[in-house]
Structure formats: C-alpha cells, structure tokens
C-alpha cells in the first residue's frame, strides 16, 4: 500500500509540478510547434497554417491593439487582473452579455498548454501555468508566444499567418487599422470576419484603434517594446 501511495504521489508530482515546470522552461527558448487547439481544429477539418515570427519582427501596432482589446493592464498585473474578473462577474450576474475576465497571460497559458473548456480542473491548471509563465517567461515572451498562437480564423494561427492571409503583407508591415481589425475578431475568430466585416466588428475595430492610441501615448505596452 505504501508503495502504491508513493507511486501515486510521484505520478501526481510529475504531472502537476515537474512536467509543467519543464514545459515552461523549454518553451522559454523554443517556439511551441503546435497547440492543443490547433490539433483539435485540424482534426475537425479546419486546416492548420502556423508560421512563427519573433516579436521583434512584428509591427508594434499589433501588440498595442491586443493590449487595448484584451488586457489594458497587461504590463502592470502579475498574470491576473482581479478588477477585470470582478467586473466580468458582475456583468454576467446582471444577465448582460457574457464577458470574460481572462488576461493575455491566462489566454497564453490556455492556448499553449491546455485544451478548450470551462471545467474547474482546466481553470485550475490554467492558473498554475499562468503563474509559471509569468515567473519563467516575463511579459515580452508571453506576448511573443501569444502573438504566435492566437487563432485568427479557420486554420489560421499567429500574427504572420494572419497578416499574409488577410492583407498580403508580413506581420512587420501591419498598419494600425489592420492590427485593430485582427484584434477585433478575437472573441469569435471562427464567426467574425477580418475582411468585409459586419457592422459590429467594424465598429469594434475603430474603437480598438482609438484605444490603441491611448496605449501608445501612455506607454501601456512598454513591457513588450
């Protein structure tokens, strides 16, 4: 019985502690080749086009747009924005449109290491990986991996792929308007369109463009510059 318990404890330690730490350390230096979501979408028949590009070769307009759209306090928090979580909870409890409170760090942890879903187990693992990447990667690397793992449409992953597929340019040539358009579809990249967007996405894109100006002027993206 003692041996069984010891083996169970050792297995849990490897799965929940040693394994995640090792994976985070490896991806600190090595680009993640694929993510669980990419594999799932490929099996669903949506294809897989993923091209890695260093954050230093991505137009600054895109990180600014993503911070404006997804996580205005990205450079300030340590992985979790509890104020945003409280607002999201209050919004959802009031019966308004469902709103998430996940930070870019949390989304990156989920995208790279975990499967889609809302179970408590997955959320717990997401929190653990978020802590690990905040400690082991730092903000610039988190943003770099995020830029390269985002789903921008069916089979379209990462800034470079999206820039080429939608605008015919490399990620280093994206304008602020194009970056805002990409950021605008992120809540529903399989539903909303970058090219010929509907009224809502077009309006959201303009709003993100204005907010991106604030991000630039106030240095809110300084941690990834």
Protein backbone atom coordinates (compact mmCIF):
# COMPACT_ATOMS: atom_id res chain seq x y z
CA UNK A 1 0.00 0.00 0.00
CA UNK A 2 2.83 2.39 0.86
CA UNK A 3 4.49 1.71 -2.47
CA UNK A 4 1.21 2.33 -4.29
CA UNK A 5 0.67 5.62 -2.47
CA UNK A 6 4.26 6.62 -3.15
CA UNK A 7 3.84 5.86 -6.85
CA UNK A 8 0.59 7.81 -6.99
CA UNK A 9 2.21 10.78 -5.25
CA UNK A 10 5.19 10.61 -7.60
CA UNK A 11 2.91 10.45 -10.63
CA UNK A 12 0.90 13.46 -9.46
CA UNK A 13 4.10 15.38 -8.76
CA UNK A 14 5.38 14.73 -12.28
CA UNK A 15 2.07 15.59 -13.93
CA UNK A 16 1.18 18.66 -11.87
CA UNK A 17 4.55 20.10 -10.86
CA UNK A 18 7.65 18.80 -12.64
CA UNK A 19 6.02 18.38 -16.06
CA UNK A 20 4.56 21.90 -16.27
CA UNK A 21 7.77 23.49 -14.99
CA UNK A 22 9.84 21.60 -17.58
CA UNK A 23 7.44 22.50 -20.39
CA UNK A 24 7.53 26.19 -19.44
CA UNK A 25 11.33 26.15 -19.30
CA UNK A 26 11.58 24.54 -22.75
CA UNK A 27 9.15 26.97 -24.36
CA UNK A 28 11.00 29.88 -22.82
CA UNK A 29 13.54 29.33 -25.58
CA UNK A 30 11.87 27.02 -28.12
CA UNK A 31 8.82 28.13 -30.13
CA UNK A 32 5.84 25.88 -29.34
CA UNK A 33 5.36 23.90 -32.58
CA UNK A 34 1.61 23.35 -32.21
CA UNK A 35 -1.03 23.81 -29.53
CA UNK A 36 -3.85 21.50 -28.42
CA UNK A 37 -6.40 23.80 -30.11
CA UNK A 38 -4.50 23.62 -33.40
CA UNK A 39 -4.63 19.82 -33.28
CA UNK A 40 -8.34 19.81 -32.40
CA UNK A 41 -9.21 22.20 -35.24
CA UNK A 42 -7.10 20.20 -37.69
CA UNK A 43 -8.96 17.02 -36.74
CA UNK A 44 -12.21 18.93 -37.27
CA UNK A 45 -11.05 19.64 -40.82
CA UNK A 46 -10.32 23.36 -40.45
CA UNK A 47 -6.70 23.07 -41.51
CA UNK A 48 -3.53 24.30 -39.85
CA UNK A 49 -1.39 27.19 -41.08
CA UNK A 50 1.05 28.35 -38.40
CA UNK A 51 4.17 30.44 -39.03
CA UNK A 52 6.32 31.63 -36.14
CA UNK A 53 7.69 35.18 -36.13
CA UNK A 54 9.77 36.91 -33.48
CA UNK A 55 8.02 39.72 -31.65
CA UNK A 56 10.85 41.99 -32.76
CA UNK A 57 9.69 41.41 -36.33
CA UNK A 58 6.01 42.16 -35.64
CA UNK A 59 4.70 45.69 -36.13
CA UNK A 60 4.24 47.33 -32.70
CA UNK A 61 0.71 48.23 -33.77
CA UNK A 62 -0.45 44.65 -33.17
CA UNK A 63 0.68 44.22 -29.54
CA UNK A 64 -0.81 47.65 -28.83
CA UNK A 65 -4.12 46.62 -30.41
CA UNK A 66 -4.18 43.35 -28.46
CA UNK A 67 -3.49 45.12 -25.18
CA UNK A 68 -6.18 47.69 -25.99
CA UNK A 69 -8.71 44.99 -26.85
CA UNK A 70 -7.89 42.20 -24.45
CA UNK A 71 -5.91 43.33 -21.43
CA UNK A 72 -5.23 47.03 -20.79
CA UNK A 73 -3.27 46.26 -17.61
CA UNK A 74 -1.09 43.58 -19.18
CA UNK A 75 2.17 45.35 -18.28
CA UNK A 76 1.01 46.04 -14.71
CA UNK A 77 -0.50 42.82 -13.36
CA UNK A 78 1.23 39.56 -12.50
CA UNK A 79 -0.97 37.31 -14.58
CA UNK A 80 -4.39 38.02 -13.10
CA UNK A 81 -6.49 41.18 -13.28
CA UNK A 82 -8.85 40.77 -10.33
CA UNK A 83 -10.60 44.05 -11.07
CA UNK A 84 -11.49 42.80 -14.55
CA UNK A 85 -12.66 39.48 -13.11
CA UNK A 86 -14.99 41.28 -10.67
CA UNK A 87 -16.43 43.41 -13.46
CA UNK A 88 -16.95 40.35 -15.64
CA UNK A 89 -18.69 38.52 -12.78
CA UNK A 90 -20.97 41.48 -12.05
CA UNK A 91 -21.75 41.87 -15.74
CA UNK A 92 -22.64 38.21 -16.13
CA UNK A 93 -24.68 38.11 -12.92
CA UNK A 94 -26.71 41.08 -14.16
CA UNK A 95 -27.72 38.99 -17.16
CA UNK A 96 -25.83 41.12 -19.64
CA UNK A 97 -23.76 39.76 -22.49
CA UNK A 98 -21.30 37.16 -21.21
CA UNK A 99 -17.94 38.79 -20.65
CA UNK A 100 -14.65 37.12 -19.83
CA UNK A 101 -12.00 38.45 -17.48
CA UNK A 102 -9.00 36.45 -18.65
CA UNK A 103 -5.72 38.28 -19.13
CA UNK A 104 -3.36 37.80 -22.06
CA UNK A 105 -1.18 35.75 -19.72
CA UNK A 106 -4.07 33.43 -18.89
CA UNK A 107 -5.05 33.13 -22.54
CA UNK A 108 -1.47 32.28 -23.47
CA UNK A 109 -1.29 29.59 -20.78
CA UNK A 110 -4.55 28.11 -22.03
CA UNK A 111 -3.63 28.32 -25.72
CA UNK A 112 -0.22 26.70 -25.41
CA UNK A 113 -0.64 24.06 -22.72
CA UNK A 114 -4.31 23.20 -22.31
CA UNK A 115 -7.49 22.18 -24.04
CA UNK A 116 -10.59 24.37 -24.58
CA UNK A 117 -13.23 24.16 -21.89
CA UNK A 118 -14.60 25.73 -18.72
CA UNK A 119 -14.15 22.96 -16.14
CA UNK A 120 -12.69 23.73 -12.72
CA UNK A 121 -9.80 21.36 -13.41
CA UNK A 122 -8.84 23.20 -16.58
CA UNK A 123 -9.21 26.60 -14.93
CA UNK A 124 -7.03 25.44 -12.05
CA UNK A 125 -4.33 24.24 -14.42
CA UNK A 126 -4.64 27.50 -16.35
CA UNK A 127 -3.96 29.46 -13.18
CA UNK A 128 -0.93 27.27 -12.39
CA UNK A 129 0.55 27.67 -15.88
CA UNK A 130 -0.16 31.41 -15.73
CA UNK A 131 1.93 31.72 -12.57
CA UNK A 132 4.71 29.68 -14.16
CA UNK A 133 4.95 31.68 -17.37
CA UNK A 134 4.79 34.99 -15.51
CA UNK A 135 7.77 33.85 -13.44
CA UNK A 136 9.66 31.95 -16.13
CA UNK A 137 8.97 33.91 -19.30
CA UNK A 138 8.30 37.53 -18.48
CA UNK A 139 5.93 39.84 -20.33
CA UNK A 140 7.75 40.12 -23.65
CA UNK A 141 7.99 36.36 -24.12
CA UNK A 142 4.36 35.90 -23.06
CA UNK A 143 3.27 38.40 -25.69
CA UNK A 144 5.53 36.80 -28.29
CA UNK A 145 4.02 33.35 -27.72
CA UNK A 146 0.53 34.86 -27.63
CA UNK A 147 1.10 36.59 -30.96
CA UNK A 148 2.14 33.28 -32.47
CA UNK A 149 -0.58 31.06 -31.01
CA UNK A 150 -3.74 33.14 -31.47
CA UNK A 151 -6.47 31.65 -33.65
CA UNK A 152 -7.36 34.30 -36.24
CA UNK A 153 -9.75 32.21 -38.31
CA UNK A 154 -10.28 28.63 -39.54
CA UNK A 155 -6.81 27.09 -39.60
CA UNK A 156 -5.11 30.50 -39.27
CA UNK A 157 -2.74 30.81 -36.32
CA UNK A 158 -0.39 33.59 -35.36
CA UNK A 159 0.28 37.14 -36.49
CA UNK A 160 2.42 36.23 -39.50
CA UNK A 161 -0.11 33.82 -40.97
CA UNK A 162 -3.00 36.24 -40.39
CA UNK A 163 -1.13 39.20 -41.90
CA UNK A 164 -0.26 37.26 -45.04
CA UNK A 165 -3.64 35.58 -45.46
CA UNK A 166 -5.79 38.67 -44.87
CA UNK A 167 -3.65 41.57 -46.04
CA UNK A 168 -0.91 40.07 -48.19
CA UNK A 169 1.90 41.50 -46.06
CA UNK A 170 4.24 40.24 -43.36
CA UNK A 171 3.44 40.86 -39.72
CA UNK A 172 6.12 43.55 -39.68
CA UNK A 173 4.13 45.62 -42.19
CA UNK A 174 0.77 45.69 -40.42
CA UNK A 175 -0.79 49.12 -40.09
CA UNK A 176 -2.71 50.24 -37.01
CA UNK A 177 -6.00 49.83 -38.86
CA UNK A 178 -5.12 46.28 -39.92
CA UNK A 179 -3.92 45.39 -36.43
CA UNK A 180 -7.15 46.72 -34.94
CA UNK A 181 -9.16 44.63 -37.39
CA UNK A 182 -7.30 41.48 -36.35
CA UNK A 183 -7.78 42.23 -32.66
CA UNK A 184 -11.48 42.93 -33.20
CA UNK A 185 -12.33 39.35 -34.19
CA UNK A 186 -10.56 37.59 -31.32
CA UNK A 187 -13.58 36.84 -29.15
CA UNK A 188 -15.06 34.81 -32.04
CA UNK A 189 -12.42 34.20 -34.74
CA UNK A 190 -14.43 31.43 -36.39
CA UNK A 191 -17.56 33.58 -36.57
CA UNK A 192 -16.39 37.14 -37.22
CA UNK A 193 -14.60 38.23 -40.37
CA UNK A 194 -11.47 40.33 -40.85
CA UNK A 195 -12.22 41.05 -44.49
CA UNK A 196 -15.62 42.62 -45.19
CA UNK A 197 -16.60 42.60 -41.51
CA UNK A 198 -20.10 43.19 -40.26
CA UNK A 199 -21.22 46.39 -38.60
CA UNK A 200 -20.33 45.22 -35.10
CA UNK A 201 -16.77 44.14 -35.93
CA UNK A 202 -16.17 47.30 -37.97
CA UNK A 203 -17.29 49.43 -35.02
CA UNK A 204 -15.26 47.38 -32.56
CA UNK A 205 -12.21 47.75 -34.81
CA UNK A 206 -12.49 51.55 -34.77
CA UNK A 207 -12.89 51.54 -31.00
CA UNK A 208 -9.76 49.40 -30.62
CA UNK A 209 -7.90 51.75 -32.96
CA UNK A 210 -8.71 54.71 -30.73
CA UNK A 211 -7.78 52.78 -27.60
CA UNK A 212 -4.50 51.74 -29.24
CA UNK A 213 -3.61 55.41 -29.50
CA UNK A 214 -4.05 55.70 -25.75
CA UNK A 215 -1.91 52.60 -25.22
CA UNK A 216 0.85 54.17 -27.30
CA UNK A 217 0.70 57.63 -25.74
CA UNK A 218 0.60 56.36 -22.16
CA UNK A 219 3.26 53.70 -22.62
CA UNK A 220 0.90 50.87 -21.70
CA UNK A 221 2.78 48.45 -23.98
CA UNK A 222 6.21 49.38 -22.66
CA UNK A 223 6.89 45.90 -21.26
CA UNK A 224 6.87 44.39 -24.75
CA UNK A 225 8.56 47.21 -26.68
